[in-house]
Amino acid sequence: MTVLIVEDQSAIRQVLAEILADEGYSVICASNGLEAIGYLHRSEQLPFVILLDLAMPVMSGWDFLSELKHEPALESIPVILMTAGANVAQKAFMAGAADYLSKPIDLDTLLEVVERHYPNKGREVA
């Protein structure tokens, strides 16, 4: 299952990607919202969750989230917003985010939140 990380800071992107890959997830990275939208339009297999920074050049996280919600094929992908900004949790949920992580990101919390949105969580293979 693939996680799409949309983060403009390469060091943060790399750390998140390595942590998630170590946990067995496939990871795709984009440095801004426009790059991520392009990936989603070209992808044959969509990610099960998107980790989205809010403050980015080219296309902000807010603009990306708005764009995503206008596309029926993409709007069902859960988006986890990531930001160092204060008092944005309520706005994030009102904008359609599935979850929210404060920066600096606690790695245990990151894994818990991603796992919470894993589609087959708790299902046993017969």
Foldseek 3Di string as FASTA:
>chain_A
DEEEEAAQDVVVVVVVCVLVVVVPHHYHYHNHLVRVVVCQVPDPDDGQAYEAEADHPPAGSLRSLQVQCVDVVRLVRAYEYEEQDPPCQVVCVVSPHPYYAYPVGDSVVVVVVVLVRPPCPPPDDD
